[in-house]
N, C-alpha and C. Protein backbone atom coordinates (compact mmCIF):
# COMPACT_ATOMS: atom_id res chain seq x y z
N MET A 1 -28.32 19.04 -19.46
CA MET A 1 -27.91 17.94 -20.30
C MET A 1 -28.67 16.67 -19.92
N LEU A 2 -28.80 16.44 -18.61
CA LEU A 2 -29.51 15.24 -18.18
C LEU A 2 -30.98 15.31 -18.53
N THR A 3 -31.62 16.43 -18.19
CA THR A 3 -33.05 16.55 -18.44
C THR A 3 -33.37 16.60 -19.93
N ALA A 4 -32.42 17.06 -20.74
CA ALA A 4 -32.62 17.10 -22.19
C ALA A 4 -32.36 15.76 -22.84
N GLY A 5 -31.91 14.76 -22.04
CA GLY A 5 -31.66 13.44 -22.58
C GLY A 5 -30.35 13.32 -23.34
N LYS A 6 -29.47 14.30 -23.20
CA LYS A 6 -28.20 14.27 -23.92
C LYS A 6 -27.10 13.54 -23.17
N SER A 7 -27.34 13.24 -21.92
CA SER A 7 -26.36 12.52 -21.12
C SER A 7 -27.10 11.66 -20.11
N ARG A 8 -26.56 10.48 -19.83
CA ARG A 8 -27.20 9.60 -18.84
C ARG A 8 -26.72 9.86 -17.43
N SER A 9 -25.53 10.46 -17.28
CA SER A 9 -25.01 10.73 -15.94
C SER A 9 -24.01 11.87 -16.02
N THR A 10 -23.66 12.35 -14.86
CA THR A 10 -22.67 13.42 -14.76
C THR A 10 -21.61 12.99 -13.76
N ALA A 11 -20.56 13.75 -13.68
CA ALA A 11 -19.53 13.51 -12.68
C ALA A 11 -18.99 14.85 -12.22
N ALA A 12 -18.65 14.92 -10.95
CA ALA A 12 -18.01 16.11 -10.42
C ALA A 12 -16.51 15.90 -10.51
N THR A 13 -15.79 16.83 -11.12
CA THR A 13 -14.35 16.67 -11.25
C THR A 13 -13.63 17.57 -10.27
N MET A 14 -12.48 17.07 -9.77
CA MET A 14 -11.68 17.82 -8.82
C MET A 14 -12.58 18.39 -7.71
N ALA A 15 -13.49 17.58 -7.25
CA ALA A 15 -14.55 18.04 -6.36
C ALA A 15 -14.09 18.30 -4.94
N ALA A 16 -14.68 19.29 -4.36
CA ALA A 16 -14.54 19.52 -2.93
C ALA A 16 -15.72 18.82 -2.25
N ARG A 17 -15.72 18.78 -0.94
CA ARG A 17 -16.79 18.07 -0.22
C ARG A 17 -18.17 18.58 -0.61
N ARG A 18 -18.35 19.90 -0.67
CA ARG A 18 -19.67 20.46 -0.99
C ARG A 18 -20.10 20.04 -2.38
N ALA A 19 -19.17 20.10 -3.34
CA ALA A 19 -19.49 19.71 -4.71
C ALA A 19 -19.83 18.23 -4.80
N ALA A 20 -19.12 17.40 -4.02
CA ALA A 20 -19.41 15.97 -4.02
C ALA A 20 -20.83 15.72 -3.51
N ARG A 21 -21.23 16.45 -2.49
CA ARG A 21 -22.60 16.30 -1.96
C ARG A 21 -23.62 16.72 -3.02
N LYS A 22 -23.34 17.79 -3.75
CA LYS A 22 -24.27 18.25 -4.79
C LYS A 22 -24.33 17.25 -5.94
N ALA A 23 -23.24 16.53 -6.16
CA ALA A 23 -23.21 15.56 -7.25
C ALA A 23 -24.19 14.43 -6.99
N SER A 24 -24.52 14.22 -5.73
CA SER A 24 -25.50 13.25 -5.27
C SER A 24 -25.18 11.83 -5.73
N ARG A 25 -25.67 11.40 -6.87
CA ARG A 25 -25.47 10.03 -7.31
C ARG A 25 -24.48 9.92 -8.45
N SER A 26 -23.75 10.97 -8.72
CA SER A 26 -22.75 10.96 -9.78
C SER A 26 -21.39 10.64 -9.19
N PRO A 27 -20.54 9.96 -9.94
CA PRO A 27 -19.19 9.69 -9.43
C PRO A 27 -18.38 10.97 -9.33
N VAL A 28 -17.44 10.96 -8.43
CA VAL A 28 -16.51 12.07 -8.30
C VAL A 28 -15.23 11.68 -9.02
N VAL A 29 -14.73 12.55 -9.87
CA VAL A 29 -13.51 12.29 -10.63
C VAL A 29 -12.42 13.22 -10.12
N SER A 30 -11.30 12.64 -9.72
CA SER A 30 -10.21 13.46 -9.22
C SER A 30 -8.89 12.76 -9.45
N ARG A 31 -7.81 13.56 -9.52
CA ARG A 31 -6.48 13.00 -9.64
C ARG A 31 -6.15 12.32 -8.31
N ALA A 32 -5.79 11.07 -8.36
CA ALA A 32 -5.43 10.37 -7.13
C ALA A 32 -4.45 9.25 -7.45
N SER A 33 -3.39 9.23 -6.72
CA SER A 33 -2.40 8.18 -6.78
C SER A 33 -1.81 8.13 -5.39
N SER A 34 -0.85 7.27 -5.15
CA SER A 34 -0.23 7.32 -3.84
C SER A 34 0.46 8.67 -3.68
N ALA A 35 0.69 9.36 -4.79
CA ALA A 35 1.28 10.69 -4.73
C ALA A 35 0.25 11.76 -4.41
N LYS A 36 -1.01 11.52 -4.66
CA LYS A 36 -2.04 12.54 -4.47
C LYS A 36 -3.21 12.11 -3.59
N ALA A 37 -3.29 10.86 -3.22
CA ALA A 37 -4.47 10.38 -2.52
C ALA A 37 -4.70 11.08 -1.20
N HIS A 38 -3.64 11.57 -0.58
CA HIS A 38 -3.82 12.27 0.68
C HIS A 38 -4.68 13.52 0.48
N ASP A 39 -4.62 14.13 -0.69
CA ASP A 39 -5.47 15.27 -1.01
C ASP A 39 -6.94 14.84 -1.13
N ALA A 40 -7.16 13.63 -1.58
CA ALA A 40 -8.52 13.14 -1.83
C ALA A 40 -9.17 12.56 -0.58
N GLU A 41 -8.39 12.24 0.43
CA GLU A 41 -8.94 11.54 1.60
C GLU A 41 -10.14 12.24 2.25
N PRO A 42 -10.19 13.59 2.33
CA PRO A 42 -11.38 14.22 2.92
C PRO A 42 -12.66 13.94 2.15
N LEU A 43 -12.55 13.63 0.85
CA LEU A 43 -13.74 13.34 0.04
C LEU A 43 -14.27 11.93 0.24
N LEU A 44 -13.41 11.00 0.63
CA LEU A 44 -13.81 9.60 0.66
C LEU A 44 -14.98 9.31 1.59
N PRO A 45 -15.06 9.89 2.78
CA PRO A 45 -16.25 9.63 3.61
C PRO A 45 -17.54 10.13 2.96
N VAL A 46 -17.47 11.27 2.26
CA VAL A 46 -18.65 11.80 1.58
C VAL A 46 -19.06 10.87 0.45
N VAL A 47 -18.08 10.40 -0.31
CA VAL A 47 -18.35 9.47 -1.41
C VAL A 47 -19.02 8.20 -0.87
N GLU A 48 -18.50 7.68 0.22
CA GLU A 48 -19.09 6.47 0.82
C GLU A 48 -20.49 6.74 1.33
N GLU A 49 -20.67 7.86 2.00
CA GLU A 49 -21.99 8.22 2.55
C GLU A 49 -23.05 8.29 1.46
N LEU A 50 -22.66 8.85 0.31
CA LEU A 50 -23.59 9.01 -0.79
C LEU A 50 -23.70 7.77 -1.67
N GLY A 51 -22.81 6.80 -1.44
CA GLY A 51 -22.85 5.59 -2.24
C GLY A 51 -22.44 5.81 -3.69
N ILE A 52 -21.52 6.74 -3.90
CA ILE A 52 -21.06 7.03 -5.26
C ILE A 52 -19.60 6.63 -5.39
N GLY A 53 -19.12 6.57 -6.61
CA GLY A 53 -17.75 6.17 -6.86
C GLY A 53 -16.80 7.34 -6.87
N PHE A 54 -15.54 7.02 -6.69
CA PHE A 54 -14.46 8.00 -6.77
C PHE A 54 -13.54 7.51 -7.89
N VAL A 55 -13.53 8.22 -9.01
CA VAL A 55 -12.74 7.82 -10.16
C VAL A 55 -11.39 8.55 -10.07
N ALA A 56 -10.34 7.78 -9.85
CA ALA A 56 -9.00 8.34 -9.68
C ALA A 56 -8.29 8.38 -11.02
N TYR A 57 -8.18 9.56 -11.60
CA TYR A 57 -7.44 9.65 -12.86
C TYR A 57 -5.99 10.02 -12.57
N SER A 58 -5.13 9.67 -13.46
CA SER A 58 -3.68 9.81 -13.32
C SER A 58 -3.19 9.12 -12.05
N PRO A 59 -3.61 7.88 -11.84
CA PRO A 59 -3.22 7.18 -10.61
C PRO A 59 -1.74 6.82 -10.56
N LEU A 60 -1.04 6.98 -11.67
CA LEU A 60 0.39 6.68 -11.67
C LEU A 60 1.21 7.98 -11.65
N ALA A 61 0.59 9.03 -11.11
CA ALA A 61 1.27 10.31 -10.86
C ALA A 61 1.96 10.86 -12.10
N ARG A 62 1.20 10.93 -13.19
CA ARG A 62 1.72 11.47 -14.45
C ARG A 62 2.97 10.73 -14.90
N GLY A 63 2.99 9.42 -14.62
CA GLY A 63 4.09 8.58 -15.05
C GLY A 63 5.15 8.33 -14.00
N PHE A 64 5.14 9.10 -12.92
CA PHE A 64 6.18 8.94 -11.91
C PHE A 64 6.12 7.56 -11.28
N LEU A 65 4.93 6.98 -11.17
CA LEU A 65 4.79 5.66 -10.55
C LEU A 65 4.67 4.55 -11.59
N SER A 66 5.10 4.84 -12.81
CA SER A 66 5.06 3.82 -13.87
C SER A 66 6.30 2.94 -13.85
N GLY A 67 7.35 3.42 -13.21
CA GLY A 67 8.61 2.70 -13.22
C GLY A 67 9.46 3.05 -14.43
N ALA A 68 9.03 4.03 -15.20
CA ALA A 68 9.74 4.38 -16.43
C ALA A 68 10.26 5.81 -16.44
N VAL A 69 10.30 6.47 -15.30
CA VAL A 69 10.76 7.86 -15.25
C VAL A 69 12.26 7.91 -15.53
N LYS A 70 12.62 8.84 -16.39
CA LYS A 70 14.03 9.05 -16.74
C LYS A 70 14.54 10.26 -15.95
N SER A 71 15.77 10.64 -16.17
CA SER A 71 16.31 11.81 -15.49
C SER A 71 15.48 13.04 -15.87
N ARG A 72 15.47 14.00 -15.01
CA ARG A 72 14.68 15.21 -15.25
C ARG A 72 15.10 15.90 -16.54
N GLU A 73 16.38 15.85 -16.87
CA GLU A 73 16.91 16.49 -18.06
C GLU A 73 16.37 15.85 -19.35
N HIS A 74 15.89 14.63 -19.25
CA HIS A 74 15.34 13.93 -20.42
C HIS A 74 14.07 14.61 -20.94
N TYR A 75 13.36 15.28 -20.04
CA TYR A 75 12.09 15.90 -20.40
C TYR A 75 12.32 17.35 -20.78
N GLY A 76 11.85 17.75 -21.92
CA GLY A 76 12.07 19.11 -22.41
C GLY A 76 11.37 20.16 -21.58
N ALA A 77 11.79 21.40 -21.76
CA ALA A 77 11.22 22.51 -21.00
C ALA A 77 9.73 22.68 -21.27
N ALA A 78 9.25 22.27 -22.45
CA ALA A 78 7.84 22.40 -22.79
C ALA A 78 7.00 21.23 -22.28
N ASP A 79 7.63 20.19 -21.73
CA ASP A 79 6.90 19.03 -21.21
C ASP A 79 6.04 19.48 -20.02
N PHE A 80 4.75 19.19 -20.06
CA PHE A 80 3.82 19.64 -19.02
C PHE A 80 4.24 19.20 -17.63
N ARG A 81 4.96 18.10 -17.52
CA ARG A 81 5.37 17.61 -16.20
C ARG A 81 6.33 18.56 -15.51
N GLN A 82 7.01 19.39 -16.28
CA GLN A 82 7.93 20.36 -15.66
C GLN A 82 7.17 21.33 -14.75
N LEU A 83 5.86 21.42 -14.92
CA LEU A 83 5.05 22.32 -14.11
C LEU A 83 4.47 21.64 -12.86
N ILE A 84 4.67 20.35 -12.74
CA ILE A 84 4.12 19.59 -11.62
C ILE A 84 5.14 19.57 -10.48
N PRO A 85 4.72 19.92 -9.27
CA PRO A 85 5.68 19.98 -8.16
C PRO A 85 6.53 18.72 -7.95
N TRP A 86 5.97 17.55 -8.21
CA TRP A 86 6.75 16.32 -8.06
C TRP A 86 7.98 16.36 -8.95
N TRP A 87 7.90 17.02 -10.08
CA TRP A 87 8.97 17.06 -11.07
C TRP A 87 9.87 18.28 -10.90
N ALA A 88 9.54 19.17 -9.98
CA ALA A 88 10.33 20.39 -9.78
C ALA A 88 11.77 20.02 -9.39
N PRO A 89 12.74 20.85 -9.80
CA PRO A 89 14.14 20.53 -9.52
C PRO A 89 14.42 20.24 -8.05
N GLU A 90 13.79 20.98 -7.16
CA GLU A 90 14.05 20.80 -5.73
C GLU A 90 13.38 19.55 -5.15
N ASN A 91 12.47 18.92 -5.90
CA ASN A 91 11.73 17.75 -5.40
C ASN A 91 12.06 16.46 -6.13
N PHE A 92 12.49 16.58 -7.37
CA PHE A 92 12.61 15.43 -8.25
C PHE A 92 13.45 14.30 -7.66
N ASP A 93 14.66 14.59 -7.23
CA ASP A 93 15.56 13.54 -6.73
C ASP A 93 15.01 12.87 -5.48
N GLN A 94 14.38 13.63 -4.61
CA GLN A 94 13.78 13.05 -3.41
C GLN A 94 12.63 12.10 -3.79
N ASN A 95 11.87 12.49 -4.79
CA ASN A 95 10.77 11.63 -5.24
C ASN A 95 11.28 10.39 -5.96
N VAL A 96 12.37 10.53 -6.69
CA VAL A 96 12.98 9.36 -7.32
C VAL A 96 13.42 8.37 -6.24
N ALA A 97 13.93 8.87 -5.12
CA ALA A 97 14.34 8.00 -4.01
C ALA A 97 13.13 7.29 -3.41
N ILE A 98 12.01 7.99 -3.26
CA ILE A 98 10.78 7.38 -2.75
C ILE A 98 10.31 6.29 -3.71
N VAL A 99 10.32 6.61 -5.00
CA VAL A 99 9.90 5.64 -6.02
C VAL A 99 10.83 4.43 -6.01
N SER A 100 12.10 4.64 -5.80
CA SER A 100 13.05 3.53 -5.72
C SER A 100 12.69 2.59 -4.57
N GLU A 101 12.36 3.16 -3.43
CA GLU A 101 11.96 2.33 -2.27
C GLU A 101 10.64 1.60 -2.55
N LEU A 102 9.70 2.28 -3.17
CA LEU A 102 8.43 1.63 -3.53
C LEU A 102 8.65 0.52 -4.54
N THR A 103 9.57 0.73 -5.48
CA THR A 103 9.89 -0.29 -6.49
C THR A 103 10.47 -1.53 -5.82
N LYS A 104 11.38 -1.32 -4.88
CA LYS A 104 11.96 -2.46 -4.15
C LYS A 104 10.87 -3.22 -3.41
N PHE A 105 9.96 -2.49 -2.80
CA PHE A 105 8.87 -3.15 -2.08
C PHE A 105 7.96 -3.91 -3.05
N ALA A 106 7.66 -3.30 -4.20
CA ALA A 106 6.82 -3.97 -5.21
C ALA A 106 7.45 -5.30 -5.62
N GLU A 107 8.77 -5.30 -5.77
CA GLU A 107 9.47 -6.54 -6.16
C GLU A 107 9.31 -7.64 -5.11
N THR A 108 9.24 -7.27 -3.84
CA THR A 108 9.03 -8.29 -2.79
C THR A 108 7.63 -8.89 -2.88
N ARG A 109 6.74 -8.21 -3.56
CA ARG A 109 5.36 -8.69 -3.74
C ARG A 109 5.15 -9.25 -5.14
N ASP A 110 6.26 -9.47 -5.87
CA ASP A 110 6.20 -9.96 -7.26
C ASP A 110 5.29 -9.10 -8.12
N ALA A 111 5.47 -7.80 -7.99
CA ALA A 111 4.63 -6.85 -8.73
C ALA A 111 5.51 -5.75 -9.31
N THR A 112 4.95 -5.04 -10.28
CA THR A 112 5.61 -3.84 -10.79
C THR A 112 5.25 -2.67 -9.89
N LEU A 113 5.99 -1.59 -10.03
CA LEU A 113 5.67 -0.38 -9.27
C LEU A 113 4.26 0.09 -9.58
N ALA A 114 3.89 0.09 -10.86
CA ALA A 114 2.55 0.53 -11.26
C ALA A 114 1.48 -0.35 -10.62
N GLN A 115 1.70 -1.65 -10.61
CA GLN A 115 0.73 -2.55 -9.99
C GLN A 115 0.59 -2.27 -8.50
N LEU A 116 1.71 -2.01 -7.84
CA LEU A 116 1.66 -1.68 -6.41
C LEU A 116 0.86 -0.41 -6.18
N ALA A 117 1.12 0.62 -6.99
CA ALA A 117 0.42 1.89 -6.84
C ALA A 117 -1.08 1.72 -7.06
N LEU A 118 -1.46 0.97 -8.08
CA LEU A 118 -2.88 0.75 -8.37
C LEU A 118 -3.54 -0.11 -7.29
N ALA A 119 -2.84 -1.16 -6.84
CA ALA A 119 -3.38 -2.01 -5.78
C ALA A 119 -3.55 -1.23 -4.50
N TRP A 120 -2.64 -0.29 -4.23
CA TRP A 120 -2.75 0.56 -3.05
C TRP A 120 -4.03 1.37 -3.09
N LEU A 121 -4.33 1.96 -4.25
CA LEU A 121 -5.57 2.72 -4.39
C LEU A 121 -6.79 1.81 -4.22
N LEU A 122 -6.75 0.65 -4.86
CA LEU A 122 -7.88 -0.28 -4.77
C LEU A 122 -8.10 -0.75 -3.34
N ALA A 123 -7.03 -0.85 -2.56
CA ALA A 123 -7.14 -1.32 -1.18
C ALA A 123 -7.64 -0.23 -0.23
N LYS A 124 -7.54 1.03 -0.63
CA LYS A 124 -7.96 2.13 0.23
C LYS A 124 -9.45 2.10 0.52
N LYS A 125 -10.24 2.01 -0.53
CA LYS A 125 -11.70 2.00 -0.40
C LYS A 125 -12.29 1.27 -1.60
N ASP A 126 -13.39 0.58 -1.40
CA ASP A 126 -14.06 -0.11 -2.50
C ASP A 126 -14.62 0.87 -3.53
N SER A 127 -14.87 2.09 -3.12
CA SER A 127 -15.47 3.08 -4.03
C SER A 127 -14.46 3.72 -4.97
N ILE A 128 -13.16 3.45 -4.79
CA ILE A 128 -12.14 4.05 -5.65
C ILE A 128 -11.93 3.20 -6.90
N VAL A 129 -12.00 3.86 -8.04
CA VAL A 129 -11.76 3.20 -9.33
C VAL A 129 -10.65 3.96 -10.05
N PRO A 130 -9.43 3.41 -10.05
CA PRO A 130 -8.35 4.09 -10.76
C PRO A 130 -8.48 3.89 -12.28
N ILE A 131 -8.15 4.93 -13.03
CA ILE A 131 -8.19 4.83 -14.49
C ILE A 131 -6.84 5.27 -15.06
N PRO A 132 -5.86 4.36 -15.04
CA PRO A 132 -4.56 4.72 -15.59
C PRO A 132 -4.61 4.78 -17.11
N GLY A 133 -3.87 5.71 -17.66
CA GLY A 133 -3.76 5.81 -19.11
C GLY A 133 -2.50 5.10 -19.56
N SER A 134 -2.50 4.62 -20.77
CA SER A 134 -1.32 3.99 -21.33
C SER A 134 -1.43 3.94 -22.84
N ARG A 135 -0.28 4.05 -23.50
CA ARG A 135 -0.23 3.89 -24.95
C ARG A 135 0.27 2.51 -25.32
N ASN A 136 0.59 1.70 -24.32
CA ASN A 136 1.25 0.43 -24.52
C ASN A 136 0.34 -0.72 -24.07
N PRO A 137 -0.08 -1.60 -24.98
CA PRO A 137 -0.98 -2.71 -24.60
C PRO A 137 -0.40 -3.60 -23.50
N GLY A 138 0.91 -3.78 -23.48
CA GLY A 138 1.52 -4.58 -22.43
C GLY A 138 1.35 -3.95 -21.06
N ARG A 139 1.49 -2.63 -21.02
CA ARG A 139 1.29 -1.91 -19.75
C ARG A 139 -0.17 -1.98 -19.31
N VAL A 140 -1.08 -1.92 -20.27
CA VAL A 140 -2.50 -2.03 -19.94
C VAL A 140 -2.75 -3.38 -19.26
N ALA A 141 -2.19 -4.44 -19.81
CA ALA A 141 -2.35 -5.77 -19.21
C ALA A 141 -1.73 -5.82 -17.81
N GLN A 142 -0.56 -5.20 -17.65
CA GLN A 142 0.07 -5.15 -16.32
C GLN A 142 -0.82 -4.39 -15.33
N ASN A 143 -1.36 -3.27 -15.78
CA ASN A 143 -2.22 -2.48 -14.90
C ASN A 143 -3.46 -3.26 -14.48
N ILE A 144 -4.04 -3.99 -15.41
CA ILE A 144 -5.22 -4.79 -15.08
C ILE A 144 -4.89 -5.85 -14.04
N ALA A 145 -3.69 -6.40 -14.13
CA ALA A 145 -3.26 -7.43 -13.17
C ALA A 145 -3.14 -6.90 -11.75
N ALA A 146 -3.15 -5.60 -11.57
CA ALA A 146 -3.07 -5.01 -10.23
C ALA A 146 -4.26 -5.43 -9.36
N VAL A 147 -5.38 -5.76 -9.99
CA VAL A 147 -6.54 -6.18 -9.19
C VAL A 147 -6.28 -7.49 -8.46
N ASP A 148 -5.30 -8.26 -8.91
CA ASP A 148 -4.98 -9.53 -8.28
C ASP A 148 -3.94 -9.39 -7.16
N LEU A 149 -3.41 -8.19 -6.98
CA LEU A 149 -2.42 -7.97 -5.94
C LEU A 149 -3.13 -7.56 -4.66
N ALA A 150 -3.25 -8.49 -3.73
CA ALA A 150 -3.92 -8.22 -2.45
C ALA A 150 -2.89 -7.70 -1.46
N LEU A 151 -3.08 -6.48 -1.02
CA LEU A 151 -2.17 -5.88 -0.05
C LEU A 151 -2.72 -6.06 1.36
N THR A 152 -1.85 -6.43 2.28
CA THR A 152 -2.24 -6.60 3.67
C THR A 152 -2.18 -5.25 4.38
N ALA A 153 -2.68 -5.22 5.59
CA ALA A 153 -2.58 -4.01 6.40
C ALA A 153 -1.12 -3.64 6.63
N ASP A 154 -0.26 -4.64 6.81
CA ASP A 154 1.17 -4.38 6.97
C ASP A 154 1.76 -3.79 5.69
N ASP A 155 1.33 -4.29 4.53
CA ASP A 155 1.80 -3.75 3.26
C ASP A 155 1.42 -2.27 3.14
N LEU A 156 0.18 -1.96 3.45
CA LEU A 156 -0.31 -0.58 3.35
C LEU A 156 0.46 0.33 4.31
N ALA A 157 0.73 -0.16 5.51
CA ALA A 157 1.50 0.61 6.48
C ALA A 157 2.92 0.84 5.99
N HIS A 158 3.49 -0.17 5.34
CA HIS A 158 4.85 -0.03 4.81
C HIS A 158 4.90 1.02 3.70
N ILE A 159 3.92 1.00 2.84
CA ILE A 159 3.84 1.99 1.76
C ILE A 159 3.68 3.38 2.35
N ASP A 160 2.82 3.52 3.34
CA ASP A 160 2.62 4.82 3.98
C ASP A 160 3.88 5.29 4.70
N ALA A 161 4.67 4.35 5.21
CA ALA A 161 5.93 4.73 5.87
C ALA A 161 6.95 5.23 4.85
N ILE A 162 6.94 4.65 3.66
CA ILE A 162 7.86 5.09 2.60
C ILE A 162 7.45 6.47 2.09
N ALA A 163 6.17 6.68 1.90
CA ALA A 163 5.66 7.94 1.34
C ALA A 163 4.49 8.45 2.18
N PRO A 164 4.76 8.94 3.40
CA PRO A 164 3.67 9.32 4.32
C PRO A 164 2.75 10.41 3.79
N THR A 165 3.25 11.31 2.96
CA THR A 165 2.40 12.35 2.40
C THR A 165 2.23 12.19 0.90
N GLY A 166 2.64 11.06 0.38
CA GLY A 166 2.51 10.80 -1.03
C GLY A 166 3.70 11.23 -1.86
N GLY A 167 4.58 12.00 -1.30
CA GLY A 167 5.76 12.45 -2.04
C GLY A 167 6.10 13.89 -1.69
N ILE A 168 7.20 14.33 -2.20
CA ILE A 168 7.68 15.68 -1.93
C ILE A 168 7.08 16.62 -2.98
N GLY A 169 6.39 17.65 -2.51
CA GLY A 169 5.76 18.59 -3.44
C GLY A 169 4.52 18.04 -4.08
N ASN A 170 3.73 17.24 -3.34
CA ASN A 170 2.60 16.57 -3.98
C ASN A 170 1.41 17.48 -4.23
N ARG A 171 1.44 18.71 -3.82
CA ARG A 171 0.36 19.64 -4.13
C ARG A 171 0.60 20.20 -5.52
N ARG A 172 -0.45 20.36 -6.30
CA ARG A 172 -0.31 20.88 -7.66
C ARG A 172 -0.74 22.31 -7.69
């Protein structure tokens, strides 16, 4: 595709270390949020070494870090989130408790939960670019405002203390 002139760049998705190295100058695209970033951490040194970006898609954990999650029963059996471990019956309530603590912390920083989650990713490494999706223009504006939320080392440590592995059942 590149040599044929049909694309200007490529990206490695859900990349492992070897794939990231092969991507060379292409960004790596992977699911990453405070719920999943621990899975991505082994890639970050490779991304930095190669001077490429890490595009974090679904940085709000499929909506779990949006602050708008309803009871598990609200989501139908056909809802794709029912297949995600964070949403599994045995994990859901524990993750809601983690989100509740993160929400309280976000409020102490005059931020929304989503802004805290995005600022956390932005504070991890300069090479991380979160790309949250939204159908709501107001939420898009809130998400953009996350770049103005400067988290301190103490803030990051507090977030990691609340969710040391990103959540219960964070493997997909």
